[in-house]
Structure formats: structure tokens, C-alpha cells
Amino acid sequence: MIIRALTFILSGATIAAVISTLLLQNYARISCHWKWSNHDSFVRMVVMADPQMEGDAKIARLGKRAHIDLAFNDAYMHHVYRSMMSPSWSPLYSLWNLVSPNIHEHQHDSNSSSWTQPPITPTHVTILGDLFSSQWIDNTEFDVRLKRYQSIFTEPLSTMTSSFPYIQIAEKDTPELINVTGNHDIGYGYDISQERIERWEQSFGKSNFVTTTRIPLGGAEERILHFVVLNTMLIDGPSADENLRGQTWEFLQEASRIKERHPKDKIVLLTHIPFHKEKGVCVDPPDIRVHWDNTIIEQTMLTPNTTAWILNNLQPDFVLNGHDHEGCDTLHVATTASDDSDMSWTAYSTSKFPQTSNHISEPIHKTVREITQRSMMAEFGGYSGLFEVRVDKSVSGGQELEFSYESCAFYRDLPVWAVIVTDLIVAGAWSCVGAVWATMHVWSVARRGATPSIKEKTL
């Protein structure tokens, strides 16, 4: 009776463990979807930020426990990455394919359910800086973390090749990987160096470059979309190496000529350090700490002047960055006074802007959305994002590009550990049950074999 009760309880625990494990394995794909179909969107970028992979310092601090923690973090981030890079989950598509003779007429309908569309695959993936947790690691530890990084963010990804100083071209057969450098990769202005930048660029690609995507509008017409990747640790200064900072500004000024030469082109800016906002707009307030020689030791945002210069001269149409682990969704609004003076930029929370806009007295000239991607670390919920670009056929006769972004959460580390421990307990319990059952069976067989038969007793 007791064994039956225990078996019943264990069976219920097993069902719960299987359900929770399946949910954990497929949560990202179930809860987060691309907005538009493969046919409608020309760019589908998976956005991640701040993995901040730790290593030898943690092992020295925590000992053997650190090895378990590092292995868990690597597996956790790899799972998040693979979930977002896998084709979208369309469980009803196969069924619809069997029962609907006109499925190919519906599969390009952007208003149809994401569960009934053909599987959607990403065209790009970007990691928005702070790939590692420290710029001070030596080359041996850097190589160790590089191998771990490559095992987390695995193939197939296209390799970037530099054909010009600031232009990189990728093979388009596979998703294009864009690595952005962060302060924990090469340092702030105070401790940045040529050696650290060269070490990073040899492994992850250039720290400043432009990659271009051509989007057809129909016929021979097309629209050009530029991804401008900018090393923001060398923008505000002074820097310990002003020559490096000068090279970065030279690149930024050259990139700013894109819109001068081709006004209809669009620019998506990929950086690590966010634009300036007033305190309260995001979790991190504006803060810059400097050394005695005024080189930057730490900064949460770019300065107001730098932010305004980039917005006015580079003229990005969308901005993606990291750094603030909590993440933020901001709308930069350009207004002009009645005397036609220079534009003034103010940052607002995107969700609150509809209410705030009623109190803006000056004419609104332009808005630029900035997404500060929440960290993909388990401590912050394993976040990623889905960024998409398509041709908006309802505006200007189908000549304008439309952007979309969706934030995608995973589980924090404690729920994941709870599922893992539960699975181990259930597996161990069933192993014990199997061992007990096998022992009782062997004992029962042995007992029957040792019991004399009735005939033997009579004799």
C-alpha cells in the first residue's frame, strides 16, 4: 500500500517535471515571435547584450563552486541564443498545410497568426558589447574565454571580411554576426590601449565599421539600410590614447556623410554606451567619473553634446545599444523653436511619450527610437530582442522602411535551477524505485527457489 502511494506521488512529480522541463526548453519560442513573415521583413535581427562572461577571477574567489557556476552560465546563455536563432515555432503550420489547399496564398499574410505562418529565420544577430567581464585579463585567459564564447554563440554564422577600412561584408547564406565592443572588453578612455583593441578586433571583427543591406522596393528600385557599428568608449574624452580616439571620430565623421550623399538611405546605429537622458528616464542616471587627468574611468551614458552631435550629423533612424543591464526604451524627440534655431533633442520614455507629447509646445521635427537591450545574464532574466525591418507599403507609395522591436524574456537563474534540481531528484527517485523493485524481485525469485515443494515435504 505504501509502495503504491509513493509510486503515485512519484508519477505526479514526474509529470510535473516533464511539463516544467518542456516549458523551460521552449519558453522563448512560445512566448516571443517575429512580427512579420519571411516574405514581408527583409531584416530580422536577434539582439543580445552584456553576456559578461567571467572566468579565472571567479574561480580564484569561489573555488570549485565557480566551475559549476560558469558551466551553468555558459549553458544558460547558449540555450537562450539557440532558442532565439532557431526557426520560429509554428505548430499549426504543418496541420494547416495538410488541410488547406491555398496555404501558399496565406503564408505571406503578415496579419495571420505567428503559429500558422511558415517558420521564420533570423538574418542577423548582434551582441551589443561587454562580451567578457574584464578588460584586464591576460592573453591566456582571453583565449580561454574566446573558446567558451565561440561554443555559446555557435555556427552557422557568416564570417565578416574587411574590404575597406570601415566597411565589412558578410556572406549572406547564413545569419550575419555583428559583435560590438564594450567597456569590459577594451576599457574606458582611462585604460584603453592599442593592444586591447587589436586583441579584440582579431577575434571579433572591427570595432568601427558599416555593413549594408539592400532592400528591394519593386522593379529596379531599392532602399539601402546601413548598420553603423560604433566604438563609443572612444567618443567622449580625453582618452589615454588620443590617436585612437581621433580614428574613431574620423570614422564617425565619414559615416555621417552617408545621409549627405544619399538622403533616402536609412541608418541603424549599434553601440554599447547609450545616449544621454535626464535622470529618471532609465534605471541608470547620467554619470561620468574621471581620473585626475580627466580621462574617463566610468560612464553610464554619452555626454549631451556627443549625443546631440550624433543625432544631428549621423542622423540614425533607429539605435540599439547595451551597457545598462536593466534595459530601457527611449524616444529622442527633436523640436525647433519658432525662430528656426537649431534642433533641440529631449529623451522620453517610449511608453509614456503619448501622454507627455501633449505638453510639448514646440513643433516636433523628428523622433528616433533607442533600445537599450536588457542584459542576457541569468541574473537579469536572459533577455534578448527581435528587431525587424520591412517596407511600409502604406506610406509614400511603399517607399519607406518600417522598424519593429520586441523584447523577449527568459527565466532567471533560480527557476532554472529549480527545474534542474527537480529533474535530478525525480530521476534519482525513479532509480531508487527501480533498484528496490529489482532487489525485491531477485529476493522473491530466490525465496521461491529455496522453498521445498509439497512432494518433497511428503517424502
Protein backbone atom coordinates (compact mmCIF):
# COMPACT_ATOMS: atom_id res chain seq x y z
CA MET A 1 0.00 0.00 0.00
CA ILE A 2 2.77 2.40 0.93
CA ILE A 3 4.70 1.49 -2.21
CA ARG A 4 1.64 2.20 -4.37
CA ALA A 5 1.13 5.58 -2.71
CA LEU A 6 4.78 6.52 -3.19
CA THR A 7 4.63 5.39 -6.82
CA PHE A 8 1.52 7.54 -7.38
CA ILE A 9 3.20 10.59 -5.84
CA LEU A 10 6.34 10.00 -7.85
CA SER A 11 4.31 9.65 -11.06
CA GLY A 12 2.65 13.02 -10.40
CA ALA A 13 6.03 14.61 -9.68
CA THR A 14 7.37 13.12 -12.91
CA ILE A 15 4.54 14.60 -14.98
CA ALA A 16 5.12 18.00 -13.37
CA ALA A 17 8.86 17.73 -14.00
CA VAL A 18 8.35 16.79 -17.67
CA ILE A 19 5.93 19.69 -18.22
CA SER A 20 8.20 22.22 -16.49
CA THR A 21 11.22 20.97 -18.43
CA LEU A 22 9.43 21.22 -21.78
CA LEU A 23 8.19 24.70 -20.88
CA LEU A 24 11.70 25.73 -19.88
CA GLN A 25 13.20 24.37 -23.08
CA ASN A 26 10.66 26.05 -25.36
CA TYR A 27 9.60 29.14 -23.37
CA ALA A 28 11.41 31.70 -25.52
CA ARG A 29 10.00 30.30 -28.76
CA ILE A 30 6.47 30.04 -27.36
CA SER A 31 6.34 33.48 -25.73
CA CYS A 32 8.19 35.61 -28.31
CA HIS A 33 7.51 35.83 -32.05
CA TRP A 34 8.63 37.74 -35.08
CA LYS A 35 6.05 40.37 -36.02
CA TRP A 36 6.28 39.94 -39.79
CA SER A 37 6.72 36.98 -42.10
CA ASN A 38 9.81 36.00 -44.10
CA HIS A 39 8.12 37.48 -47.15
CA ASP A 40 7.42 40.87 -45.54
CA SER A 41 10.57 41.53 -43.49
CA PHE A 42 13.98 41.91 -45.11
CA VAL A 43 15.97 42.20 -41.88
CA ARG A 44 15.33 40.01 -38.83
CA MET A 45 17.96 40.64 -36.18
CA VAL A 46 18.30 38.83 -32.85
CA VAL A 47 19.58 41.39 -30.34
CA MET A 48 21.58 40.44 -27.22
CA ALA A 49 23.75 42.40 -24.84
CA ASP A 50 26.20 42.15 -21.95
CA PRO A 51 26.87 38.42 -21.51
CA GLN A 52 29.91 39.49 -19.43
CA MET A 53 31.49 36.04 -19.34
CA GLU A 54 33.54 35.54 -16.17
CA GLY A 55 36.49 33.22 -15.65
CA ASP A 56 39.70 32.89 -13.66
CA ALA A 57 38.94 35.68 -11.17
CA LYS A 58 35.71 33.97 -10.18
CA ILE A 59 37.48 30.62 -9.81
CA ALA A 60 40.08 32.24 -7.54
CA ARG A 61 37.30 33.80 -5.49
CA LEU A 62 34.85 30.89 -5.20
CA GLY A 63 36.91 27.77 -5.89
CA LYS A 64 35.16 24.62 -7.14
CA ARG A 65 31.74 26.24 -6.88
CA ALA A 66 32.83 28.69 -9.60
CA HIS A 67 33.33 25.86 -12.12
CA ILE A 68 29.68 24.79 -11.65
CA ASP A 69 28.52 28.40 -11.87
CA LEU A 70 30.49 29.10 -15.06
CA ALA A 71 29.26 25.88 -16.70
CA PHE A 72 25.67 26.80 -15.81
CA ASN A 73 26.05 30.34 -17.18
CA ASP A 74 27.53 29.08 -20.44
CA ALA A 75 24.75 26.51 -20.88
CA TYR A 76 22.12 29.10 -19.93
CA MET A 77 23.29 31.68 -22.49
CA HIS A 78 23.74 29.02 -25.17
CA HIS A 79 20.15 27.88 -24.63
CA VAL A 80 18.83 31.44 -24.90
CA TYR A 81 20.90 32.01 -28.04
CA ARG A 82 19.84 28.77 -29.74
CA SER A 83 16.19 29.34 -28.84
CA MET A 84 16.18 32.77 -30.48
CA MET A 85 18.24 31.73 -33.51
CA SER A 86 16.14 28.66 -34.27
CA PRO A 87 13.31 28.96 -36.80
CA SER A 88 10.18 30.32 -35.19
CA TRP A 89 7.76 27.80 -33.71
CA SER A 90 4.75 27.25 -36.00
CA PRO A 91 2.94 24.21 -34.56
CA LEU A 92 -0.21 24.75 -36.61
CA TYR A 93 1.57 25.35 -39.91
CA SER A 94 2.06 21.64 -40.71
CA LEU A 95 -1.59 20.88 -39.90
CA TRP A 96 -2.73 23.85 -41.97
CA ASN A 97 -0.53 22.62 -44.82
CA LEU A 98 -2.44 19.33 -44.81
CA VAL A 99 -5.97 20.71 -44.62
CA SER A 100 -5.71 23.97 -46.59
CA PRO A 101 -5.21 23.79 -50.36
CA ASN A 102 -4.46 27.53 -50.51
CA ILE A 103 -1.79 27.72 -47.82
CA HIS A 104 0.73 29.46 -50.05
CA GLU A 105 -1.75 32.29 -50.57
CA HIS A 106 -1.96 32.81 -46.79
CA GLN A 107 1.64 32.27 -45.78
CA HIS A 108 2.62 35.79 -46.91
CA ASP A 109 -0.17 37.43 -44.92
CA SER A 110 1.53 39.44 -42.17
CA ASN A 111 -1.73 39.57 -40.22
CA SER A 112 -2.02 35.81 -39.90
CA SER A 113 -1.14 34.12 -36.64
CA SER A 114 2.54 33.51 -35.98
CA TRP A 115 1.58 29.93 -35.14
CA THR A 116 0.23 29.40 -38.66
CA GLN A 117 2.99 31.15 -40.64
CA PRO A 118 5.92 29.24 -42.13
CA PRO A 119 8.91 29.08 -39.76
CA ILE A 120 10.80 32.41 -39.73
CA THR A 121 14.59 32.52 -39.52
CA PRO A 122 16.82 35.45 -38.49
CA THR A 123 19.11 37.23 -40.95
CA HIS A 124 21.37 38.88 -38.34
CA VAL A 125 22.44 38.57 -34.73
CA THR A 126 24.23 41.23 -32.71
CA ILE A 127 25.89 41.13 -29.29
CA LEU A 128 25.96 44.72 -28.03
CA GLY A 129 29.19 44.77 -26.05
CA ASP A 130 30.70 43.53 -22.79
CA LEU A 131 31.26 40.07 -24.20
CA PHE A 132 33.70 39.39 -21.36
CA SER A 133 33.61 40.66 -17.78
CA SER A 134 37.01 42.36 -17.63
CA GLN A 135 39.39 44.22 -19.91
CA TRP A 136 42.29 43.44 -17.56
CA ILE A 137 42.55 39.69 -18.27
CA ASP A 138 45.79 38.42 -19.80
CA ASN A 139 46.03 36.85 -23.26
CA THR A 140 45.88 33.28 -21.93
CA GLU A 141 42.60 33.90 -20.10
CA PHE A 142 41.30 35.88 -23.10
CA ASP A 143 41.84 32.84 -25.33
CA VAL A 144 40.07 30.58 -22.81
CA ARG A 145 37.03 32.84 -22.73
CA LEU A 146 37.10 33.25 -26.51
CA LYS A 147 36.75 29.47 -26.96
CA ARG A 148 33.86 29.44 -24.48
CA TYR A 149 32.24 32.37 -26.31
CA GLN A 150 32.51 30.53 -29.62
CA SER A 151 30.90 27.45 -28.04
CA ILE A 152 27.98 29.56 -26.80
CA PHE A 153 27.35 31.61 -29.94
CA THR A 154 27.90 28.75 -32.34
CA GLU A 155 27.77 28.32 -36.10
CA PRO A 156 26.19 28.67 -38.54
CA LEU A 157 27.11 32.35 -38.62
CA SER A 158 28.67 34.22 -41.51
CA THR A 159 32.21 35.46 -41.19
CA MET A 160 32.93 39.15 -41.66
CA THR A 161 35.67 40.20 -44.06
CA SER A 162 37.13 43.69 -44.21
CA SER A 163 37.41 45.03 -47.75
CA PHE A 164 37.76 48.72 -46.85
CA PRO A 165 38.87 50.42 -43.61
CA TYR A 166 35.33 50.96 -42.36
CA ILE A 167 33.26 48.55 -44.45
CA GLN A 168 32.67 44.88 -43.75
CA ILE A 169 30.83 42.45 -45.98
CA ALA A 170 29.28 39.16 -44.90
CA GLU A 171 28.32 36.02 -46.76
CA LYS A 172 24.52 36.14 -46.82
CA ASP A 173 23.83 32.42 -46.90
CA THR A 174 23.84 32.32 -43.10
CA PRO A 175 22.93 34.87 -40.40
CA GLU A 176 25.38 37.73 -40.09
CA LEU A 177 27.03 38.10 -36.67
CA ILE A 178 27.82 41.64 -35.54
CA ASN A 179 29.92 41.91 -32.40
CA VAL A 180 30.02 45.30 -30.68
CA THR A 181 32.83 46.10 -28.27
CA GLY A 182 32.11 47.24 -24.72
CA ASN A 183 33.95 48.83 -21.81
CA HIS A 184 34.62 45.43 -20.19
CA ASP A 185 36.19 44.27 -23.47
CA ILE A 186 38.67 47.10 -24.12
CA GLY A 187 38.23 49.55 -21.23
CA TYR A 188 37.07 53.17 -20.95
CA GLY A 189 39.19 56.11 -22.05
CA TYR A 190 41.36 55.85 -18.94
CA ASP A 191 42.72 52.35 -19.59
CA ILE A 192 42.02 51.74 -23.28
CA SER A 193 45.02 50.79 -25.41
CA GLN A 194 46.01 49.83 -28.94
CA GLU A 195 46.92 46.32 -27.73
CA ARG A 196 43.48 45.70 -26.21
CA ILE A 197 41.67 46.93 -29.30
CA GLU A 198 43.86 44.81 -31.61
CA ARG A 199 43.31 41.74 -29.43
CA TRP A 200 39.54 42.27 -29.56
CA GLU A 201 39.39 43.03 -33.29
CA GLN A 202 41.47 39.96 -34.21
CA SER A 203 38.85 37.78 -32.51
CA PHE A 204 35.56 39.61 -33.07
CA GLY A 205 35.94 41.94 -36.05
CA LYS A 206 36.48 45.68 -36.36
CA SER A 207 35.25 47.95 -33.58
CA ASN A 208 34.10 50.61 -36.09
CA PHE A 209 32.53 49.62 -39.39
CA VAL A 210 29.48 49.84 -41.64
CA THR A 211 27.65 46.86 -43.10
CA THR A 212 24.96 47.41 -45.72
CA THR A 213 21.76 45.63 -46.71
CA ARG A 214 19.86 46.35 -49.93
CA ILE A 215 16.08 46.19 -49.64
CA PRO A 216 14.09 45.92 -52.91
CA LEU A 217 11.08 48.21 -53.33
CA GLY A 218 9.83 46.67 -56.53
CA GLY A 219 11.19 46.78 -60.04
CA ALA A 220 14.66 48.28 -60.15
CA GLU A 221 14.14 50.47 -57.11
CA GLU A 222 15.70 49.67 -53.76
CA ARG A 223 16.36 51.21 -50.38
CA ILE A 224 19.75 50.98 -48.67
CA LEU A 225 19.94 50.14 -44.96
CA HIS A 226 23.26 50.75 -43.18
CA PHE A 227 24.24 49.19 -39.86
CA VAL A 228 26.77 51.59 -38.35
CA VAL A 229 28.80 49.92 -35.59
CA LEU A 230 30.47 52.49 -33.34
CA ASN A 231 33.05 52.11 -30.54
CA THR A 232 31.54 54.53 -28.00
CA MET A 233 34.37 54.05 -25.48
CA LEU A 234 36.45 56.32 -27.75
CA ILE A 235 33.94 59.11 -28.34
CA ASP A 236 33.95 61.23 -25.18
CA GLY A 237 37.36 62.26 -23.94
CA PRO A 238 40.08 62.87 -23.34
CA SER A 239 41.41 59.35 -23.75
CA ALA A 240 44.65 57.69 -22.70
CA ASP A 241 45.31 57.27 -26.43
CA GLU A 242 44.06 60.34 -28.30
CA ASN A 243 45.24 58.85 -31.59
CA LEU A 244 42.73 56.00 -31.20
CA ARG A 245 40.02 58.46 -30.28
CA GLY A 246 40.86 60.53 -33.34
CA GLN A 247 40.49 57.46 -35.55
CA THR A 248 37.05 56.79 -34.10
CA TRP A 249 35.92 60.36 -34.75
CA GLU A 250 37.32 60.13 -38.27
CA PHE A 251 35.15 57.04 -38.83
CA LEU A 252 32.09 58.75 -37.29
CA GLN A 253 32.51 61.82 -39.50
CA GLU A 254 32.88 59.62 -42.58
CA ALA A 255 29.76 57.65 -41.62
CA SER A 256 27.90 60.94 -41.14
CA ARG A 257 28.29 61.65 -44.84
CA ILE A 258 26.03 58.70 -45.73
CA LYS A 259 22.87 60.77 -45.35
CA GLU A 260 24.50 63.79 -47.06
CA ARG A 261 25.21 61.72 -50.17
CA HIS A 262 22.10 59.53 -50.05
CA PRO A 263 19.29 61.24 -48.08
CA LYS A 264 16.87 58.36 -48.61
CA ASP A 265 19.19 55.74 -47.08
CA LYS A 266 18.42 54.53 -43.56
CA ILE A 267 20.85 54.04 -40.67
CA VAL A 268 20.61 51.70 -37.67
CA LEU A 269 23.27 52.57 -35.09
CA LEU A 270 24.75 49.76 -33.00
CA THR A 271 26.77 50.86 -29.94
CA HIS A 272 27.46 49.88 -26.36
CA ILE A 273 27.12 53.07 -24.27
CA PRO A 274 23.61 54.62 -24.54
CA PHE A 275 22.72 58.18 -25.49
CA HIS A 276 22.24 60.84 -22.83
CA LYS A 277 18.93 61.05 -20.97
CA GLU A 278 17.86 63.00 -17.92
CA LYS A 279 17.68 61.21 -14.59
CA GLY A 280 14.54 59.09 -14.23
CA VAL A 281 14.05 58.19 -17.89
CA CYS A 282 16.03 54.94 -17.47
CA VAL A 283 17.25 53.00 -14.44
CA ASP A 284 20.84 54.28 -14.77
CA PRO A 285 21.16 58.05 -14.25
CA PRO A 286 23.69 60.05 -16.29
CA ASP A 287 27.05 59.73 -14.54
CA ILE A 288 30.70 60.12 -15.61
CA ARG A 289 33.69 59.50 -13.34
CA VAL A 290 37.10 60.76 -14.42
CA HIS A 291 40.71 60.25 -13.39
CA TRP A 292 42.89 63.14 -12.19
CA ASP A 293 43.93 63.71 -15.81
CA ASN A 294 40.23 63.87 -16.87
CA THR A 295 40.34 60.56 -18.76
CA ILE A 296 37.10 58.63 -18.26
CA ILE A 297 37.09 55.86 -15.67
CA GLU A 298 33.39 55.07 -15.91
CA GLN A 299 30.30 56.45 -17.66
CA THR A 300 26.69 55.33 -17.85
CA MET A 301 25.77 57.46 -20.91
CA LEU A 302 27.37 59.60 -23.56
CA THR A 303 27.54 63.32 -22.85
CA PRO A 304 24.67 65.59 -24.03
CA ASN A 305 26.90 67.29 -26.63
CA THR A 306 28.09 63.98 -28.11
CA THR A 307 24.54 62.65 -28.18
CA ALA A 308 23.25 65.73 -29.99
CA TRP A 309 26.15 65.65 -32.48
CA ILE A 310 25.45 62.05 -33.44
CA LEU A 311 21.71 62.62 -33.74
CA ASN A 312 22.17 65.77 -35.84
CA ASN A 313 25.03 64.59 -38.07
CA LEU A 314 24.88 60.80 -38.36
CA GLN A 315 21.06 61.01 -38.31
CA PRO A 316 20.35 57.43 -37.23
CA ASP A 317 16.80 56.18 -37.78
CA PHE A 318 17.00 53.56 -35.01
CA VAL A 319 19.52 52.97 -32.21
CA LEU A 320 20.41 49.70 -30.45
CA ASN A 321 22.83 49.53 -27.52
CA GLY A 322 23.51 47.82 -24.17
CA HIS A 323 25.51 48.76 -21.03
CA ASP A 324 22.51 49.46 -18.74
CA HIS A 325 21.73 45.91 -17.61
CA GLU A 326 18.14 46.81 -16.73
CA GLY A 327 17.41 47.93 -20.30
CA CYS A 328 15.45 50.95 -21.50
CA ASP A 329 13.13 52.00 -24.34
CA THR A 330 13.56 55.67 -25.21
CA LEU A 331 12.28 58.13 -27.80
CA HIS A 332 14.58 61.03 -28.68
CA VAL A 333 12.45 63.97 -29.83
CA ALA A 334 13.83 66.88 -31.87
CA THR A 335 11.98 70.17 -31.53
CA THR A 336 12.59 73.53 -33.16
CA ALA A 337 11.73 76.92 -31.73
CA SER A 338 9.69 79.47 -33.69
CA ASP A 339 12.84 81.40 -34.67
CA ASP A 340 14.09 78.38 -36.68
CA SER A 341 17.07 77.86 -34.40
CA ASP A 342 18.97 74.58 -34.17
CA MET A 343 17.09 71.46 -33.19
CA SER A 344 16.90 70.60 -29.52
CA TRP A 345 16.84 66.91 -28.51
CA THR A 346 14.97 65.58 -25.47
CA ALA A 347 14.66 61.94 -24.40
CA TYR A 348 11.36 60.48 -23.20
CA SER A 349 10.25 57.02 -22.16
CA THR A 350 8.63 55.49 -25.25
CA SER A 351 5.69 54.10 -23.26
CA LYS A 352 5.00 57.48 -21.62
CA PHE A 353 5.52 59.67 -24.67
CA PRO A 354 1.86 59.66 -25.87
CA GLN A 355 0.87 61.40 -22.63
CA THR A 356 3.97 63.61 -22.49
CA SER A 357 3.69 64.82 -26.09
CA ASN A 358 0.62 66.88 -25.21
CA HIS A 359 2.83 69.15 -23.10
CA ILE A 360 5.44 69.83 -25.84
CA SER A 361 4.86 73.34 -27.13
CA GLU A 362 7.49 73.48 -29.89
CA PRO A 363 6.97 71.77 -33.26
CA ILE A 364 8.28 68.19 -33.31
CA HIS A 365 10.74 67.85 -36.18
CA LYS A 366 11.82 64.21 -35.80
CA THR A 367 11.81 61.23 -33.42
CA VAL A 368 14.42 58.50 -33.07
CA ARG A 369 13.79 55.38 -31.01
CA GLU A 370 16.63 54.00 -28.91
CA ILE A 371 16.53 50.50 -27.44
CA THR A 372 18.95 49.74 -24.62
CA GLN A 373 18.87 45.96 -24.64
CA ARG A 374 18.43 44.35 -21.21
CA SER A 375 21.29 42.01 -20.30
CA MET A 376 21.15 38.36 -21.31
CA MET A 377 22.72 37.29 -18.00
CA ALA A 378 20.61 34.92 -15.89
CA GLU A 379 20.53 37.48 -13.09
CA PHE A 380 18.52 39.79 -15.37
CA GLY A 381 16.25 37.16 -16.89
CA GLY A 382 18.15 36.11 -20.03
CA TYR A 383 16.69 38.86 -22.19
CA SER A 384 17.05 39.20 -25.94
CA GLY A 385 15.21 41.18 -28.57
CA LEU A 386 13.75 40.79 -32.06
CA PHE A 387 14.45 43.72 -34.41
CA GLU A 388 12.81 43.75 -37.84
CA VAL A 389 12.75 45.95 -40.92
CA ARG A 390 10.21 45.89 -43.73
CA VAL A 391 8.88 48.16 -46.46
CA ASP A 392 5.84 50.09 -45.23
CA LYS A 393 3.57 49.97 -48.25
CA SER A 394 1.03 52.30 -46.65
CA VAL A 395 3.41 55.30 -46.55
CA SER A 396 4.80 57.29 -49.50
CA GLY A 397 3.68 54.73 -52.02
CA GLY A 398 5.67 51.93 -50.44
CA GLN A 399 8.97 53.83 -50.39
CA GLU A 400 9.61 53.99 -46.62
CA LEU A 401 11.09 51.43 -44.23
CA GLU A 402 9.31 50.42 -41.04
CA PHE A 403 11.08 49.20 -37.88
CA SER A 404 9.82 46.89 -35.16
CA TYR A 405 11.33 45.71 -31.88
CA GLU A 406 10.07 43.20 -29.33
CA SER A 407 11.72 42.42 -26.01
CA CYS A 408 11.95 38.70 -25.16
CA ALA A 409 12.38 37.40 -21.62
CA PHE A 410 13.56 34.03 -20.39
CA TYR A 411 13.68 32.78 -16.79
CA ARG A 412 16.05 33.97 -14.09
CA ASP A 413 18.59 31.54 -12.70
CA LEU A 414 16.58 30.34 -9.64
CA PRO A 415 13.61 28.89 -11.62
CA VAL A 416 16.06 27.20 -13.99
CA TRP A 417 17.99 25.68 -11.09
CA ALA A 418 14.68 24.58 -9.52
CA VAL A 419 13.75 22.66 -12.68
CA ILE A 420 17.21 21.11 -12.95
CA VAL A 421 17.22 20.00 -9.30
CA THR A 422 13.66 18.69 -9.57
CA ASP A 423 14.59 16.65 -12.65
CA LEU A 424 17.61 15.22 -10.83
CA ILE A 425 15.52 14.33 -7.77
CA VAL A 426 12.82 12.67 -9.88
CA ALA A 427 15.42 10.77 -11.89
CA GLY A 428 17.16 9.70 -8.66
CA ALA A 429 13.87 8.66 -7.08
CA TRP A 430 12.94 6.51 -10.07
CA SER A 431 16.41 4.97 -9.96
CA CYS A 432 15.84 4.09 -6.29
CA VAL A 433 12.41 2.66 -7.08
CA GLY A 434 13.92 0.60 -9.89
CA ALA A 435 16.71 -0.64 -7.62
CA VAL A 436 14.24 -1.54 -4.84
CA TRP A 437 11.95 -3.31 -7.30
CA ALA A 438 14.88 -5.26 -8.81
CA THR A 439 16.13 -6.23 -5.35
CA MET A 440 12.65 -7.39 -4.24
CA HIS A 441 12.22 -9.34 -7.47
CA VAL A 442 15.57 -11.11 -7.07
CA TRP A 443 14.79 -11.82 -3.42
CA SER A 444 11.33 -13.17 -4.35
CA VAL A 445 12.77 -15.46 -7.03
CA ALA A 446 15.47 -16.69 -4.68
CA ARG A 447 12.91 -17.32 -1.96
CA ARG A 448 10.67 -19.34 -4.26
CA GLY A 449 13.67 -21.36 -5.38
CA ALA A 450 14.65 -22.15 -1.77
CA THR A 451 11.12 -23.22 -0.69
CA PRO A 452 10.67 -27.10 -0.85
CA SER A 453 7.78 -28.41 -2.94
CA ILE A 454 4.82 -30.36 -1.46
CA LYS A 455 6.16 -33.63 -2.89
CA GLU A 456 9.49 -33.05 -1.25
CA LYS A 457 7.78 -32.40 2.08
CA THR A 458 5.73 -35.64 1.78
CA LEU A 459 8.78 -37.70 1.15
